[in-house]
C-alpha atoms as a PDB file:
ATOM      1  CA  MET A   1      -3.863 -19.355 -12.657  1.00  0.00           C
ATOM      2  CA  ALA A   2      -0.211 -19.856 -11.821  1.00  0.00           C
ATOM      3  CA  VAL A   3       2.388 -17.301 -12.770  1.00  0.00           C
ATOM      4  CA  ASP A   4       4.443 -19.903 -14.627  1.00  0.00           C
ATOM      5  CA  THR A   5       1.727 -20.305 -17.266  1.00  0.00           C
ATOM      6  CA  ALA A   6       2.274 -16.786 -18.614  1.00  0.00           C
ATOM      7  CA  PRO A   7       3.924 -16.199 -22.001  1.00  0.00           C
ATOM      8  CA  ILE A   8       7.698 -15.866 -21.780  1.00  0.00           C
ATOM      9  CA  GLY A   9       8.680 -12.318 -20.806  1.00  0.00           C
ATOM     10  CA  TRP A  10       5.218 -11.250 -19.681  1.00  0.00           C
ATOM     11  CA  MET A  11       5.771 -11.549 -15.901  1.00  0.00           C
ATOM     12  CA  GLN A  12       8.024  -8.514 -15.721  1.00  0.00           C
ATOM     13  CA  ASP A  13       8.063  -4.788 -16.406  1.00  0.00           C
ATOM     14  CA  TRP A  14       7.185  -4.006 -19.992  1.00  0.00           C
ATOM     15  CA  SER A  15       7.545  -0.729 -21.829  1.00  0.00           C
ATOM     16  CA  ALA A  16       7.621   0.475 -25.412  1.00  0.00           C
ATOM     17  CA  ILE A  17       8.220   3.820 -27.082  1.00  0.00           C
ATOM     18  CA  GLY A  18       5.475   4.950 -29.418  1.00  0.00           C
ATOM     19  CA  SER A  19       5.729   6.294 -32.935  1.00  0.00           C
ATOM     20  CA  GLY A  20       4.544   9.287 -34.908  1.00  0.00           C
ATOM     21  CA  LYS A  21       2.648  12.196 -33.398  1.00  0.00           C
ATOM     22  CA  ASN A  22       1.432  10.135 -30.426  1.00  0.00           C
ATOM     23  CA  SER A  23       4.877   9.031 -29.259  1.00  0.00           C
ATOM     24  CA  ARG A  24       5.097  11.964 -26.844  1.00  0.00           C
ATOM     25  CA  ILE A  25       1.879  10.879 -25.135  1.00  0.00           C
ATOM     26  CA  GLY A  26       2.395   8.215 -22.474  1.00  0.00           C
ATOM     27  CA  ILE A  27       0.050   5.756 -20.830  1.00  0.00           C
ATOM     28  CA  LEU A  28       0.907   3.893 -17.624  1.00  0.00           C
ATOM     29  CA  LEU A  29      -1.159   0.753 -16.971  1.00  0.00           C
ATOM     30  CA  VAL A  30      -1.292  -0.785 -13.477  1.00  0.00           C
ATOM     31  CA  HIS A  31      -2.406  -4.367 -12.712  1.00  0.00           C
ATOM     32  CA  GLY A  32      -4.378  -5.561  -9.697  1.00  0.00           C
ATOM     33  CA  PHE A  33      -3.689  -7.306  -6.374  1.00  0.00           C
ATOM     34  CA  THR A  34      -2.224 -10.824  -6.897  1.00  0.00           C
ATOM     35  CA  GLY A  35      -2.336 -10.081 -10.632  1.00  0.00           C
ATOM     36  CA  ALA A  36       0.453  -9.254 -13.040  1.00  0.00           C
ATOM     37  CA  PRO A  37       1.279  -7.376 -16.273  1.00  0.00           C
ATOM     38  CA  PRO A  38      -0.492  -9.965 -18.514  1.00  0.00           C
ATOM     39  CA  SER A  39      -3.844  -8.508 -17.395  1.00  0.00           C
ATOM     40  CA  MET A  40      -2.829  -5.126 -18.860  1.00  0.00           C
ATOM     41  CA  ARG A  41      -0.394  -6.085 -21.627  1.00  0.00           C
ATOM     42  CA  PRO A  42      -2.986  -6.523 -24.437  1.00  0.00           C
ATOM     43  CA  TRP A  43      -4.401  -3.074 -23.652  1.00  0.00           C
ATOM     44  CA  GLY A  44      -0.893  -1.651 -23.658  1.00  0.00           C
ATOM     45  CA  GLU A  45      -0.118  -3.272 -26.998  1.00  0.00           C
ATOM     46  CA  PHE A  46      -3.326  -1.859 -28.455  1.00  0.00           C
ATOM     47  CA  LEU A  47      -2.340   1.659 -27.384  1.00  0.00           C
ATOM     48  CA  LEU A  48       1.175   1.109 -28.704  1.00  0.00           C
ATOM     49  CA  SER A  49      -0.333   0.186 -32.075  1.00  0.00           C
ATOM     50  CA  LYS A  50      -1.932   3.652 -32.079  1.00  0.00           C
ATOM     51  CA  GLY A  51       1.486   5.249 -31.584  1.00  0.00           C
ATOM     52  CA  TYR A  52       1.393   5.898 -27.833  1.00  0.00           C
ATOM     53  CA  SER A  53       4.298   5.236 -25.491  1.00  0.00           C
ATOM     54  CA  VAL A  54       3.277   2.715 -22.828  1.00  0.00           C
ATOM     55  CA  ARG A  55       4.583   1.221 -19.609  1.00  0.00           C
ATOM     56  CA  VAL A  56       3.154  -1.813 -17.787  1.00  0.00           C
ATOM     57  CA  PRO A  57       5.064  -2.390 -14.527  1.00  0.00           C
ATOM     58  CA  LEU A  58       5.173  -5.457 -12.310  1.00  0.00           C
ATOM     59  CA  LEU A  59       4.239  -4.297  -8.816  1.00  0.00           C
ATOM     60  CA  PRO A  60       6.415  -5.324  -5.824  1.00  0.00           C
ATOM     61  CA  GLY A  61       5.506  -8.693  -4.341  1.00  0.00           C
ATOM     62  CA  HIS A  62       3.877  -9.907  -7.560  1.00  0.00           C
ATOM     63  CA  GLY A  63       4.912 -12.279 -10.312  1.00  0.00           C
ATOM     64  CA  THR A  64       6.892 -14.653  -8.094  1.00  0.00           C
ATOM     65  CA  LYS A  65       5.080 -16.524  -5.288  1.00  0.00           C
ATOM     66  CA  PRO A  66       2.177 -15.495  -3.024  1.00  0.00           C
ATOM     67  CA  GLU A  67       4.337 -15.446   0.108  1.00  0.00           C
ATOM     68  CA  ASP A  68       6.341 -12.549  -1.349  1.00  0.00           C
ATOM     69  CA  LEU A  69       3.251 -10.353  -1.270  1.00  0.00           C
ATOM     70  CA  ASN A  70       3.125 -10.809   2.508  1.00  0.00           C
ATOM     71  CA  LYS A  71       6.520  -9.097   2.800  1.00  0.00           C
ATOM     72  CA  VAL A  72       5.639  -5.851   1.028  1.00  0.00           C
ATOM     73  CA  LYS A  73       4.782  -2.520   2.657  1.00  0.00           C
ATOM     74  CA  TRP A  74       2.004  -0.620   0.912  1.00  0.00           C
ATOM     75  CA  GLN A  75       4.226   2.362   0.089  1.00  0.00           C
ATOM     76  CA  GLU A  76       6.219   0.172  -2.288  1.00  0.00           C
ATOM     77  CA  TRP A  77       3.330  -0.056  -4.772  1.00  0.00           C
ATOM     78  CA  PRO A  78       2.802   3.673  -5.372  1.00  0.00           C
ATOM     79  CA  ALA A  79       6.580   4.176  -5.237  1.00  0.00           C
ATOM     80  CA  LYS A  80       6.973   1.765  -8.145  1.00  0.00           C
ATOM     81  CA  VAL A  81       4.180   3.450 -10.094  1.00  0.00           C
ATOM     82  CA  GLN A  82       5.658   6.901  -9.402  1.00  0.00           C
ATOM     83  CA  LEU A  83       9.011   5.715 -10.721  1.00  0.00           C
ATOM     84  CA  GLU A  84       7.358   4.515 -13.929  1.00  0.00           C
ATOM     85  CA  LEU A  85       5.517   7.815 -14.194  1.00  0.00           C
ATOM     86  CA  GLU A  86       8.756   9.760 -13.994  1.00  0.00           C
ATOM     87  CA  GLU A  87      10.208   7.612 -16.777  1.00  0.00           C
ATOM     88  CA  LEU A  88       7.298   8.534 -19.035  1.00  0.00           C
ATOM     89  CA  PHE A  89       7.624  12.227 -18.255  1.00  0.00           C
ATOM     90  CA  LYS A  90      11.224  12.140 -19.466  1.00  0.00           C
ATOM     91  CA  THR A  91      10.011  11.748 -23.055  1.00  0.00           C
ATOM     92  CA  CYS A  92       6.293  12.574 -22.972  1.00  0.00           C
ATOM     93  CA  ASP A  93       4.445  15.892 -22.934  1.00  0.00           C
ATOM     94  CA  GLN A  94       1.241  14.312 -21.621  1.00  0.00           C
ATOM     95  CA  VAL A  95       0.720  11.234 -19.472  1.00  0.00           C
ATOM     96  CA  PHE A  96      -2.383   9.210 -18.618  1.00  0.00           C
ATOM     97  CA  ILE A  97      -2.670   6.493 -15.980  1.00  0.00           C
ATOM     98  CA  ALA A  98      -4.935   3.436 -16.076  1.00  0.00           C
ATOM     99  CA  GLY A  99      -5.589   0.841 -13.407  1.00  0.00           C
ATOM    100  CA  LEU A 100      -7.465  -2.415 -12.883  1.00  0.00           C
ATOM    101  CA  SER A 101      -8.925  -3.258  -9.452  1.00  0.00           C
ATOM    102  CA  MET A 102      -6.195  -2.574  -6.826  1.00  0.00           C
ATOM    103  CA  GLY A 103      -4.275  -1.019  -9.721  1.00  0.00           C
ATOM    104  CA  GLY A 104      -7.130   1.456  -9.956  1.00  0.00           C
ATOM    105  CA  GLY A 105      -6.772   2.287  -6.271  1.00  0.00           C
ATOM    106  CA  THR A 106      -3.042   2.740  -6.769  1.00  0.00           C
ATOM    107  CA  ALA A 107      -3.652   4.905  -9.824  1.00  0.00           C
ATOM    108  CA  LEU A 108      -5.957   7.112  -7.761  1.00  0.00           C
ATOM    109  CA  TYR A 109      -3.343   7.432  -5.018  1.00  0.00           C
ATOM    110  CA  ILE A 110      -0.753   8.508  -7.604  1.00  0.00           C
ATOM    111  CA  SER A 111      -3.247  10.865  -9.232  1.00  0.00           C
ATOM    112  CA  GLU A 112      -3.861  12.575  -5.899  1.00  0.00           C
ATOM    113  CA  GLU A 113      -0.123  13.216  -5.669  1.00  0.00           C
ATOM    114  CA  ASN A 114       0.280  14.221  -9.349  1.00  0.00           C
ATOM    115  CA  ASN A 115      -3.035  15.863 -10.154  1.00  0.00           C
ATOM    116  CA  ASP A 116      -1.411  18.858 -11.868  1.00  0.00           C
ATOM    117  CA  ARG A 117       0.844  16.701 -14.050  1.00  0.00           C
ATOM    118  CA  LEU A 118      -1.477  13.994 -15.336  1.00  0.00           C
ATOM    119  CA  SER A 119      -3.939  14.463 -18.193  1.00  0.00           C
ATOM    120  CA  GLY A 120      -6.489  11.830 -17.218  1.00  0.00           C
ATOM    121  CA  ILE A 121      -7.276   8.569 -15.396  1.00  0.00           C
ATOM    122  CA  ILE A 122      -8.894   5.389 -16.724  1.00  0.00           C
ATOM    123  CA  LEU A 123     -10.219   2.908 -14.167  1.00  0.00           C
ATOM    124  CA  VAL A 124     -11.515  -0.632 -14.673  1.00  0.00           C
ATOM    125  CA  ASN A 125     -13.446  -2.102 -11.734  1.00  0.00           C
ATOM    126  CA  PRO A 126     -11.340  -0.010  -9.354  1.00  0.00           C
ATOM    127  CA  MET A 127     -10.879  -0.904  -5.706  1.00  0.00           C
ATOM    128  CA  ILE A 128     -11.244   1.600  -2.882  1.00  0.00           C
ATOM    129  CA  HIS A 129     -12.464  -0.535   0.060  1.00  0.00           C
ATOM    130  CA  VAL A 130     -13.326  -4.036   1.240  1.00  0.00           C
ATOM    131  CA  PRO A 131     -16.775  -3.961   2.881  1.00  0.00           C
ATOM    132  CA  PHE A 132     -16.833  -4.878   6.585  1.00  0.00           C
ATOM    133  CA  ILE A 133     -13.060  -5.359   6.761  1.00  0.00           C
ATOM    134  CA  SER A 134     -11.360  -2.373   8.378  1.00  0.00           C
ATOM    135  CA  VAL A 135      -7.612  -1.926   8.717  1.00  0.00           C
ATOM    136  CA  PRO A 136      -7.605  -3.301  12.328  1.00  0.00           C
ATOM    137  CA  ILE A 137      -9.710  -6.308  11.320  1.00  0.00           C
ATOM    138  CA  GLY A 138      -7.423  -6.898   8.357  1.00  0.00           C
ATOM    139  CA  TYR A 139      -4.459  -6.869  10.697  1.00  0.00           C
ATOM    140  CA  LEU A 140      -6.030  -9.415  13.064  1.00  0.00           C
ATOM    141  CA  LEU A 141      -6.955 -11.738  10.213  1.00  0.00           C
ATOM    142  CA  SER A 142      -3.410 -11.562   8.865  1.00  0.00           C
ATOM    143  CA  ARG A 143      -2.014 -12.779  12.190  1.00  0.00           C
ATOM    144  CA  PHE A 144      -4.058 -15.979  12.145  1.00  0.00           C
ATOM    145  CA  GLN A 145      -3.807 -17.056   8.513  1.00  0.00           C
ATOM    146  CA  LYS A 146      -1.088 -16.013   6.071  1.00  0.00           C
ATOM    147  CA  LEU A 147      -2.743 -17.316   2.893  1.00  0.00           C
ATOM    148  CA  ARG A 148      -6.387 -17.663   1.895  1.00  0.00           C
ATOM    149  CA  SER A 149      -8.220 -18.970  -1.159  1.00  0.00           C
ATOM    150  CA  SER A 150      -7.688 -16.913  -4.274  1.00  0.00           C
ATOM    151  CA  VAL A 151     -10.275 -14.504  -5.654  1.00  0.00           C
ATOM    152  CA  GLY A 152      -8.407 -14.010  -8.925  1.00  0.00           C
ATOM    153  CA  ASN A 153      -9.155 -15.006 -12.504  1.00  0.00           C
ATOM    154  CA  ASP A 154     -12.742 -13.756 -12.380  1.00  0.00           C
ATOM    155  CA  ILE A 155     -13.161 -13.863 -16.163  1.00  0.00           C
ATOM    156  CA  LYS A 156     -16.334 -14.820 -18.055  1.00  0.00           C
ATOM    157  CA  ARG A 157     -14.508 -15.687 -21.259  1.00  0.00           C
ATOM    158  CA  PRO A 158     -13.436 -19.380 -21.155  1.00  0.00           C
ATOM    159  CA  GLY A 159      -9.804 -20.405 -21.423  1.00  0.00           C
ATOM    160  CA  ILE A 160      -8.398 -17.009 -20.410  1.00  0.00           C
ATOM    161  CA  SER A 161      -6.068 -16.443 -17.441  1.00  0.00           C
ATOM    162  CA  GLU A 162      -4.598 -13.344 -15.870  1.00  0.00           C
ATOM    163  CA  HIS A 163      -1.621 -15.456 -14.710  1.00  0.00           C
ATOM    164  CA  GLY A 164      -1.803 -14.269 -11.107  1.00  0.00           C
ATOM    165  CA  TYR A 165      -1.385 -15.971  -7.757  1.00  0.00           C
ATOM    166  CA  ASP A 166      -3.515 -18.964  -6.783  1.00  0.00           C
ATOM    167  CA  ALA A 167      -3.636 -17.787  -3.145  1.00  0.00           C
ATOM    168  CA  LEU A 168      -4.520 -14.581  -1.308  1.00  0.00           C
ATOM    169  CA  PRO A 169      -1.736 -13.249   0.996  1.00  0.00           C
ATOM    170  CA  THR A 170      -3.446 -11.812   4.077  1.00  0.00           C
ATOM    171  CA  ARG A 171      -0.606  -9.576   5.269  1.00  0.00           C
ATOM    172  CA  GLY A 172      -0.562  -8.084   1.810  1.00  0.00           C
ATOM    173  CA  ILE A 173      -4.295  -7.458   2.161  1.00  0.00           C
ATOM    174  CA  HIS A 174      -3.690  -5.588   5.410  1.00  0.00           C
ATOM    175  CA  GLN A 175      -1.183  -3.334   3.641  1.00  0.00           C
ATOM    176  CA  LEU A 176      -3.627  -2.865   0.765  1.00  0.00           C
ATOM    177  CA  LEU A 177      -6.351  -1.768   3.179  1.00  0.00           C
ATOM    178  CA  ILE A 178      -4.060   0.902   4.605  1.00  0.00           C
ATOM    179  CA  MET A 179      -3.327   2.291   1.141  1.00  0.00           C
ATOM    180  CA  LEU A 180      -6.989   2.290   0.148  1.00  0.00           C
ATOM    181  CA  LYS A 181      -8.042   4.071   3.344  1.00  0.00           C
ATOM    182  CA  THR A 182      -5.477   6.808   2.674  1.00  0.00           C
ATOM    183  CA  THR A 183      -6.542   7.068  -0.952  1.00  0.00           C
ATOM    184  CA  ARG A 184     -10.241   7.253  -0.113  1.00  0.00           C
ATOM    185  CA  LYS A 185      -9.700  10.202   2.250  1.00  0.00           C
ATOM    186  CA  ASN A 186      -8.071  12.203  -0.530  1.00  0.00           C
ATOM    187  CA  LEU A 187     -10.298  11.409  -3.527  1.00  0.00           C
ATOM    188  CA  GLY A 188     -11.404  15.029  -3.669  1.00  0.00           C
ATOM    189  CA  LYS A 189      -7.876  16.043  -4.675  1.00  0.00           C
ATOM    190  CA  VAL A 190      -8.386  14.412  -8.059  1.00  0.00           C
ATOM    191  CA  THR A 191      -9.820  17.038 -10.394  1.00  0.00           C
ATOM    192  CA  ILE A 192      -8.564  15.766 -13.761  1.00  0.00           C
ATOM    193  CA  PRO A 193     -10.875  13.887 -16.170  1.00  0.00           C
ATOM    194  CA  VAL A 194     -11.770  10.313 -15.186  1.00  0.00           C
ATOM    195  CA  GLN A 195     -13.196   7.458 -17.231  1.00  0.00           C
ATOM    196  CA  LEU A 196     -14.440   4.470 -15.217  1.00  0.00           C
ATOM    197  CA  PHE A 197     -15.509   1.057 -16.513  1.00  0.00           C
ATOM    198  CA  HIS A 198     -17.693  -1.067 -14.242  1.00  0.00           C
ATOM    199  CA  SER A 199     -18.663  -4.706 -14.726  1.00  0.00           C
ATOM    200  CA  VAL A 200     -22.300  -5.247 -13.845  1.00  0.00           C
ATOM    201  CA  GLU A 201     -21.441  -8.837 -12.842  1.00  0.00           C
ATOM    202  CA  ASP A 202     -18.284  -8.685 -10.736  1.00  0.00           C
ATOM    203  CA  HIS A 203     -17.596 -11.560  -8.326  1.00  0.00           C
ATOM    204  CA  THR A 204     -14.559  -9.903  -6.745  1.00  0.00           C
ATOM    205  CA  LEU A 205     -15.622  -6.376  -5.790  1.00  0.00           C
ATOM    206  CA  PRO A 206     -19.076  -4.987  -4.961  1.00  0.00           C
ATOM    207  CA  VAL A 207     -20.421  -1.978  -6.868  1.00  0.00           C
ATOM    208  CA  SER A 208     -19.898   0.156  -3.736  1.00  0.00           C
ATOM    209  CA  ASN A 209     -16.272   0.594  -4.842  1.00  0.00           C
ATOM    210  CA  THR A 210     -17.330   2.332  -8.039  1.00  0.00           C
ATOM    211  CA  GLU A 211     -20.010   4.369  -6.252  1.00  0.00           C
ATOM    212  CA  ILE A 212     -17.604   5.613  -3.564  1.00  0.00           C
ATOM    213  CA  ILE A 213     -15.044   6.647  -6.149  1.00  0.00           C
ATOM    214  CA  MET A 214     -17.506   8.409  -8.449  1.00  0.00           C
ATOM    215  CA  ALA A 215     -19.026  10.306  -5.509  1.00  0.00           C
ATOM    216  CA  GLY A 216     -15.696  11.222  -3.927  1.00  0.00           C
ATOM    217  CA  LEU A 217     -13.761  12.431  -6.956  1.00  0.00           C
ATOM    218  CA  GLY A 218     -13.245  16.168  -7.284  1.00  0.00           C
ATOM    219  CA  SER A 219     -13.334  15.903 -11.076  1.00  0.00           C
ATOM    220  CA  SER A 220     -16.002  17.813 -12.955  1.00  0.00           C
ATOM    221  CA  SER A 221     -15.410  15.541 -15.946  1.00  0.00           C
ATOM    222  CA  LYS A 222     -16.064  11.933 -14.956  1.00  0.00           C
ATOM    223  CA  SER A 223     -17.883   9.203 -16.835  1.00  0.00           C
ATOM    224  CA  ARG A 224     -18.982   5.680 -15.969  1.00  0.00           C
ATOM    225  CA  ILE A 225     -19.363   2.993 -18.614  1.00  0.00           C
ATOM    226  CA  GLU A 226     -21.180  -0.224 -17.737  1.00  0.00           C
ATOM    227  CA  LEU A 227     -19.739  -3.526 -18.939  1.00  0.00           C
ATOM    228  CA  VAL A 228     -22.499  -6.110 -19.390  1.00  0.00           C
ATOM    229  CA  ASN A 229     -20.505  -9.073 -20.697  1.00  0.00           C
ATOM    230  CA  SER A 230     -17.448  -9.234 -18.437  1.00  0.00           C
ATOM    231  CA  TYR A 231     -16.534 -10.191 -14.895  1.00  0.00           C
ATOM    232  CA  HIS A 232     -13.866  -8.516 -12.744  1.00  0.00           C
ATOM    233  CA  VAL A 233     -10.792  -8.855 -14.978  1.00  0.00           C
ATOM    234  CA  ALA A 234     -12.593  -7.044 -17.785  1.00  0.00           C
ATOM    235  CA  THR A 235      -9.380  -6.086 -19.586  1.00  0.00           C
ATOM    236  CA  LEU A 236      -9.132  -9.736 -20.701  1.00  0.00           C
ATOM    237  CA  ASP A 237     -12.836 -10.461 -21.028  1.00  0.00           C
ATOM    238  CA  TYR A 238     -15.555 -10.139 -23.685  1.00  0.00           C
ATOM    239  CA  ASP A 239     -15.761  -6.336 -23.249  1.00  0.00           C
ATOM    240  CA  GLN A 240     -12.031  -5.925 -23.878  1.00  0.00           C
ATOM    241  CA  GLU A 241     -12.480  -4.130 -27.197  1.00  0.00           C
ATOM    242  CA  LEU A 242     -15.094  -1.815 -25.703  1.00  0.00           C
ATOM    243  CA  ILE A 243     -12.558  -0.780 -23.041  1.00  0.00           C
ATOM    244  CA  PHE A 244      -9.773  -0.365 -25.578  1.00  0.00           C
ATOM    245  CA  GLN A 245     -11.796   1.728 -28.025  1.00  0.00           C
ATOM    246  CA  ASN A 246     -13.466   3.936 -25.430  1.00  0.00           C
ATOM    247  CA  SER A 247     -10.184   4.576 -23.634  1.00  0.00           C
ATOM    248  CA  LEU A 248      -8.672   5.566 -26.977  1.00  0.00           C
ATOM    249  CA  THR A 249     -11.503   8.042 -27.560  1.00  0.00           C
ATOM    250  CA  PHE A 250     -11.010   9.396 -24.023  1.00  0.00           C
ATOM    251  CA  ILE A 251      -7.275   9.910 -24.573  1.00  0.00           C
ATOM    252  CA  GLU A 252      -7.744  11.460 -28.003  1.00  0.00           C
ATOM    253  CA  GLY A 253     -10.275  13.911 -26.585  1.00  0.00           C
ATOM    254  CA  LEU A 254      -7.780  15.152 -24.011  1.00  0.00           C
ATOM    255  CA  THR A 255      -4.704  15.229 -26.226  1.00  0.00           C
ATOM    256  CA  LYS A 256      -3.175  18.548 -27.223  1.00  0.00           C
ATOM    257  CA  GLN A 257      -1.870  18.119 -30.746  1.00  0.00           C
END
């Protein structure tokens, strides 16, 4: 699961301008904690093939070595995503945001701040809390142990890797907990349409994350799709095509042509 096993050029920001009538519709795809763009790149390439403009950023502290994620402040993640969002709005009339795991939590944070500008949100096994680990507890744990065993690469499909870190940076977790707590308090600010995919068998996050988000959203249009043949990194798993096709239908249904 090391970052150096990724295809050349995949461990960095990736963007592409669409074509045809969909080129002025943008989709921003955000990877998860300790993950990287390879977990979202195939989805982005699928949407590009349908003519959409896409951006898949590398979040600060990722794609290098686990220790770098212990040096990041939580504000740097949404700041990076906001920057990518602004780039899309330069050429796009409508923009959607999608996120996997912590990327889903980040997407929700950005959506709370940009609710009137975005057209919709797509979430895959989104993260909004870590049960029994509060921000203070997360801080204490981070003082005693800087790296823990990895929880990444939870994929049912054999031979597939998300090319993330093989360790869990605890100071980064503390920062993540702060961001998620802030995001959770403001879920009601999100009133735009939401599509959420949830893996029935997820070894990384409990279903409470999905339940909290679905209950807390202010959106009147929100749907939950169960994934029965994928683990946590579902964007690379057996239900990949189901996610791709249903997200396409979701975007098409909210597109003003």
